[in-house]
């Protein structure tokens, strides 16, 4: 199987992608692709096979409360859902998605707000890519129940104990990961490429059911807001074994 990791930015210069080919007990990292255009990303994502999986570092949606507030504000006679709230209580629900709050205890920091931060421009680029994928016959389920899922590399590194953020650290923790010299050079020089590598590893964890999925009660909201897949602690070692969860998992 093959996994694809994408570190998405608002524009191509800071967008990177990494592909990993998996076989029994071994994984081969391809040379990272830097400065990825929409056309390149669409080709990569639409080319995923039945057993393949992609992890994209980007919010797949906006907080439901934020979307409702913007819709109300855009009306001819605008209203505001939190107009009777005390202080900024109404803003918290608009600032963070449910999945952001779920992942926060498992990450070194709370994810950036897609509605109140510059991250919104990245999400807007993804929204366009998702619409184009739909048009090409490759719909994206924002819960991750499909070949494309949302990931957050910072949470994955935290769960896997990768505190240094270096290629050598990953190799020491995952000796089965083969990184050719050219790929190693680019991964060491580009943080975007490094995050794309982590995203590709998380994509494998998603396929192996080693990440956190929305509950039945969370699924409906996740289909709108998106859902961050983050791996369980110390699961990195299991990625090269098989696409099946470890016994008892």
Protein backbone atom coordinates (compact mmCIF):
# COMPACT_ATOMS: atom_id res chain seq x y z
CA UNK A 1 0.00 0.00 0.00
CA UNK A 2 0.95 3.66 -0.29
CA UNK A 3 0.35 6.57 2.03
CA UNK A 4 0.45 10.24 1.18
CA UNK A 5 1.12 13.08 3.58
CA UNK A 6 0.34 16.68 2.68
CA UNK A 7 1.42 19.73 4.66
CA UNK A 8 -0.96 22.26 3.16
CA UNK A 9 -0.38 26.00 3.12
CA UNK A 10 -2.41 28.87 1.69
CA UNK A 11 -0.18 28.90 -1.41
CA UNK A 12 2.15 26.45 -3.19
CA UNK A 13 5.57 27.69 -1.95
CA UNK A 14 4.98 26.37 1.59
CA UNK A 15 3.05 23.24 0.58
CA UNK A 16 4.80 19.87 0.66
CA UNK A 17 3.85 16.25 0.02
CA UNK A 18 5.52 12.95 0.90
CA UNK A 19 4.67 9.46 -0.37
CA UNK A 20 5.60 6.28 1.49
CA UNK A 21 5.44 2.79 -0.02
CA UNK A 22 4.75 0.05 2.53
CA UNK A 23 5.62 -3.63 2.46
CA UNK A 24 5.91 -6.25 5.19
CA UNK A 25 8.19 -4.87 7.87
CA UNK A 26 9.53 -2.03 5.75
CA UNK A 27 8.57 1.38 4.41
CA UNK A 28 10.24 3.41 1.66
CA UNK A 29 10.05 7.21 1.70
CA UNK A 30 9.95 8.90 -1.70
CA UNK A 31 11.67 12.22 -2.35
CA UNK A 32 9.46 14.99 -0.90
CA UNK A 33 7.60 17.23 -3.32
CA UNK A 34 7.98 20.91 -2.44
CA UNK A 35 5.98 23.89 -3.69
CA UNK A 36 2.98 21.72 -4.59
CA UNK A 37 0.37 23.34 -6.81
CA UNK A 38 -3.34 22.54 -6.74
CA UNK A 39 -2.90 20.51 -9.92
CA UNK A 40 -0.17 18.38 -8.34
CA UNK A 41 -2.20 17.80 -5.19
CA UNK A 42 -5.31 16.84 -7.16
CA UNK A 43 -3.27 14.34 -9.16
CA UNK A 44 -1.83 12.80 -5.99
CA UNK A 45 -5.13 12.65 -4.13
CA UNK A 46 -7.25 11.44 -7.04
CA UNK A 47 -4.62 8.80 -7.81
CA UNK A 48 -4.96 7.00 -4.48
CA UNK A 49 -5.66 3.29 -4.84
CA UNK A 50 -8.20 1.20 -2.94
CA UNK A 51 -5.69 0.33 -0.19
CA UNK A 52 -4.01 3.75 -0.07
CA UNK A 53 -4.53 6.49 2.49
CA UNK A 54 -3.76 10.21 2.64
CA UNK A 55 -3.33 12.47 5.65
CA UNK A 56 -3.71 16.21 5.10
CA UNK A 57 -2.50 18.76 7.64
CA UNK A 58 -5.30 21.30 7.31
CA UNK A 59 -8.72 21.92 8.89
CA UNK A 60 -11.42 20.32 6.75
CA UNK A 61 -14.13 22.68 8.00
CA UNK A 62 -15.08 25.57 10.29
CA UNK A 63 -16.77 25.53 13.73
CA UNK A 64 -20.51 25.01 13.28
CA UNK A 65 -21.23 27.94 15.61
CA UNK A 66 -19.01 30.21 13.50
CA UNK A 67 -20.77 29.19 10.27
CA UNK A 68 -24.17 29.87 11.88
CA UNK A 69 -23.01 33.26 13.16
CA UNK A 70 -21.70 34.33 9.75
CA UNK A 71 -24.94 33.24 8.11
CA UNK A 72 -26.97 35.27 10.63
CA UNK A 73 -24.72 38.29 10.25
CA UNK A 74 -25.06 38.18 6.45
CA UNK A 75 -28.86 38.44 6.59
CA UNK A 76 -30.56 41.71 5.46
CA UNK A 77 -31.39 42.40 9.11
CA UNK A 78 -28.34 40.89 10.81
CA UNK A 79 -28.49 39.16 14.15
CA UNK A 80 -25.74 37.61 16.24
CA UNK A 81 -26.18 34.27 18.04
CA UNK A 82 -24.27 35.41 21.10
CA UNK A 83 -25.65 38.92 21.47
CA UNK A 84 -27.07 38.12 24.91
CA UNK A 85 -24.00 36.21 26.11
CA UNK A 86 -21.83 37.51 28.93
CA UNK A 87 -18.36 38.66 27.95
CA UNK A 88 -16.81 36.53 25.23
CA UNK A 89 -18.59 33.27 26.06
CA UNK A 90 -20.16 33.18 22.61
CA UNK A 91 -16.79 33.56 20.91
CA UNK A 92 -15.29 30.35 22.33
CA UNK A 93 -17.73 28.13 20.44
CA UNK A 94 -16.97 30.04 17.24
CA UNK A 95 -13.22 29.91 17.77
CA UNK A 96 -12.63 26.15 18.05
CA UNK A 97 -14.11 23.07 16.45
CA UNK A 98 -15.10 20.13 18.63
CA UNK A 99 -12.18 18.10 17.24
CA UNK A 100 -9.71 20.84 18.21
CA UNK A 101 -10.79 20.50 21.84
CA UNK A 102 -10.64 16.68 21.68
CA UNK A 103 -7.07 16.68 20.40
CA UNK A 104 -5.80 19.48 22.67
CA UNK A 105 -4.90 17.25 25.68
CA UNK A 106 -2.85 15.03 23.35
CA UNK A 107 -0.87 17.81 21.67
CA UNK A 108 1.81 20.24 22.84
CA UNK A 109 -0.57 23.12 22.20
CA UNK A 110 -4.14 23.85 21.20
CA UNK A 111 -4.58 23.82 17.41
CA UNK A 112 -4.83 27.24 15.80
CA UNK A 113 -8.33 28.57 15.28
CA UNK A 114 -9.50 28.11 11.70
CA UNK A 115 -12.09 30.86 12.14
CA UNK A 116 -10.13 33.48 14.12
CA UNK A 117 -6.63 32.96 12.75
CA UNK A 118 -4.66 33.03 9.51
CA UNK A 119 -5.31 29.30 9.23
CA UNK A 120 -8.60 30.19 7.56
CA UNK A 121 -6.80 30.93 4.30
CA UNK A 122 -5.36 27.40 4.33
CA UNK A 123 -8.80 25.91 4.97
CA UNK A 124 -10.19 27.97 2.10
CA UNK A 125 -7.63 26.44 -0.25
CA UNK A 126 -8.57 22.99 1.00
CA UNK A 127 -12.29 23.72 0.54
CA UNK A 128 -11.59 24.45 -3.12
CA UNK A 129 -9.52 21.28 -3.49
CA UNK A 130 -12.23 19.21 -1.82
CA UNK A 131 -14.85 20.62 -4.20
CA UNK A 132 -12.61 19.80 -7.17
CA UNK A 133 -12.04 16.26 -5.88
CA UNK A 134 -15.81 15.84 -5.57
CA UNK A 135 -16.20 17.01 -9.17
CA UNK A 136 -13.58 14.45 -10.25
CA UNK A 137 -15.52 11.67 -8.55
CA UNK A 138 -13.45 11.47 -5.35
CA UNK A 139 -15.65 12.76 -2.52
CA UNK A 140 -14.01 13.43 0.85
CA UNK A 141 -15.68 12.27 4.07
CA UNK A 142 -14.56 14.82 6.68
CA UNK A 143 -14.68 12.21 9.43
CA UNK A 144 -11.79 10.40 7.74
CA UNK A 145 -13.92 7.43 6.71
CA UNK A 146 -12.36 7.32 3.27
CA UNK A 147 -8.99 7.60 1.55
CA UNK A 148 -8.41 11.20 2.71
CA UNK A 149 -8.35 12.31 6.36
CA UNK A 150 -7.38 15.35 8.40
CA UNK A 151 -4.25 15.07 10.55
CA UNK A 152 -2.29 17.27 12.95
CA UNK A 153 1.46 16.45 12.91
CA UNK A 154 2.16 18.26 16.19
CA UNK A 155 -0.21 15.91 18.03
CA UNK A 156 1.29 12.85 16.33
CA UNK A 157 4.83 13.87 17.29
CA UNK A 158 3.67 14.41 20.87
CA UNK A 159 1.99 10.99 21.02
CA UNK A 160 5.05 9.29 19.53
CA UNK A 161 7.57 11.13 21.71
CA UNK A 162 9.29 12.83 18.78
CA UNK A 163 10.42 15.93 20.65
CA UNK A 164 13.41 16.95 18.54
CA UNK A 165 11.66 17.16 15.18
CA UNK A 166 14.62 15.68 13.30
CA UNK A 167 15.02 12.99 10.66
CA UNK A 168 17.58 11.16 12.82
CA UNK A 169 15.05 10.99 15.65
CA UNK A 170 12.44 9.39 13.39
CA UNK A 171 14.97 6.87 12.07
CA UNK A 172 15.96 5.90 15.61
CA UNK A 173 12.32 5.42 16.61
CA UNK A 174 11.37 3.67 13.35
CA UNK A 175 14.42 1.75 12.04
CA UNK A 176 12.19 0.06 9.46
CA UNK A 177 11.70 3.41 7.71
CA UNK A 178 14.06 3.67 4.73
CA UNK A 179 14.89 7.25 3.75
CA UNK A 180 17.19 7.65 0.70
CA UNK A 181 19.83 10.35 0.90
CA UNK A 182 18.07 12.87 -1.36
CA UNK A 183 14.85 12.52 0.63
CA UNK A 184 16.79 12.86 3.88
CA UNK A 185 18.42 16.07 2.68
CA UNK A 186 15.10 17.69 1.80
CA UNK A 187 13.41 16.51 4.99
CA UNK A 188 16.22 18.01 7.05
CA UNK A 189 16.11 21.31 5.17
CA UNK A 190 12.33 21.80 4.96
CA UNK A 191 9.98 21.81 7.94
CA UNK A 192 7.08 21.57 5.49
CA UNK A 193 8.50 18.33 4.09
CA UNK A 194 9.12 16.99 7.59
CA UNK A 195 5.49 17.64 8.61
CA UNK A 196 4.32 16.00 5.38
CA UNK A 197 6.35 12.91 6.36
CA UNK A 198 4.65 12.82 9.76
CA UNK A 199 1.28 13.19 8.00
CA UNK A 200 2.12 10.21 5.76
CA UNK A 201 2.99 8.12 8.83
CA UNK A 202 -0.29 9.11 10.51
CA UNK A 203 -2.08 8.05 7.33
CA UNK A 204 -0.70 4.55 7.90
CA UNK A 205 -1.94 4.69 11.49
CA UNK A 206 -5.41 5.64 10.23
CA UNK A 207 -5.44 2.61 7.95
CA UNK A 208 -4.35 0.41 10.86
CA UNK A 209 -7.14 1.83 13.08
CA UNK A 210 -4.55 3.22 15.49
CA UNK A 211 -5.99 6.74 15.58
CA UNK A 212 -8.87 8.32 17.47
CA UNK A 213 -12.17 8.23 15.57
CA UNK A 214 -15.34 10.21 16.29
CA UNK A 215 -17.94 8.46 18.41
CA UNK A 216 -21.45 7.92 17.11
CA UNK A 217 -22.52 11.10 18.91
CA UNK A 218 -19.62 13.10 17.40
CA UNK A 219 -19.87 11.80 13.83
CA UNK A 220 -22.57 14.18 12.57
CA UNK A 221 -20.69 17.27 13.72
CA UNK A 222 -17.41 15.84 12.38
CA UNK A 223 -18.95 15.49 8.92
CA UNK A 224 -19.35 19.26 8.91
CA UNK A 225 -16.42 20.56 10.95
CA UNK A 226 -13.88 17.87 10.13
CA UNK A 227 -12.09 15.43 12.45
CA UNK A 228 -8.40 15.36 13.39
CA UNK A 229 -6.98 11.83 13.42
CA UNK A 230 -4.18 11.49 15.95
CA UNK A 231 -2.42 8.22 16.81
CA UNK A 232 -2.37 6.46 20.15
CA UNK A 233 0.74 6.72 22.30
CA UNK A 234 3.65 4.48 21.33
CA UNK A 235 1.90 3.21 18.20
CA UNK A 236 4.72 4.21 15.84
CA UNK A 237 6.37 0.84 16.31
CA UNK A 238 3.26 -0.96 15.03
CA UNK A 239 3.04 0.84 11.68
CA UNK A 240 5.38 -1.47 9.76
CA UNK A 241 3.83 -4.67 11.06
CA UNK A 242 0.52 -4.74 9.18
CA UNK A 243 -2.54 -2.69 8.38
CA UNK A 244 -4.44 -4.53 11.11
CA UNK A 245 -4.56 -3.24 14.69
CA UNK A 246 -2.41 -5.04 17.26
CA UNK A 247 -4.18 -7.81 19.16
CA UNK A 248 -6.45 -6.35 21.77
CA UNK A 249 -6.48 -2.95 20.02
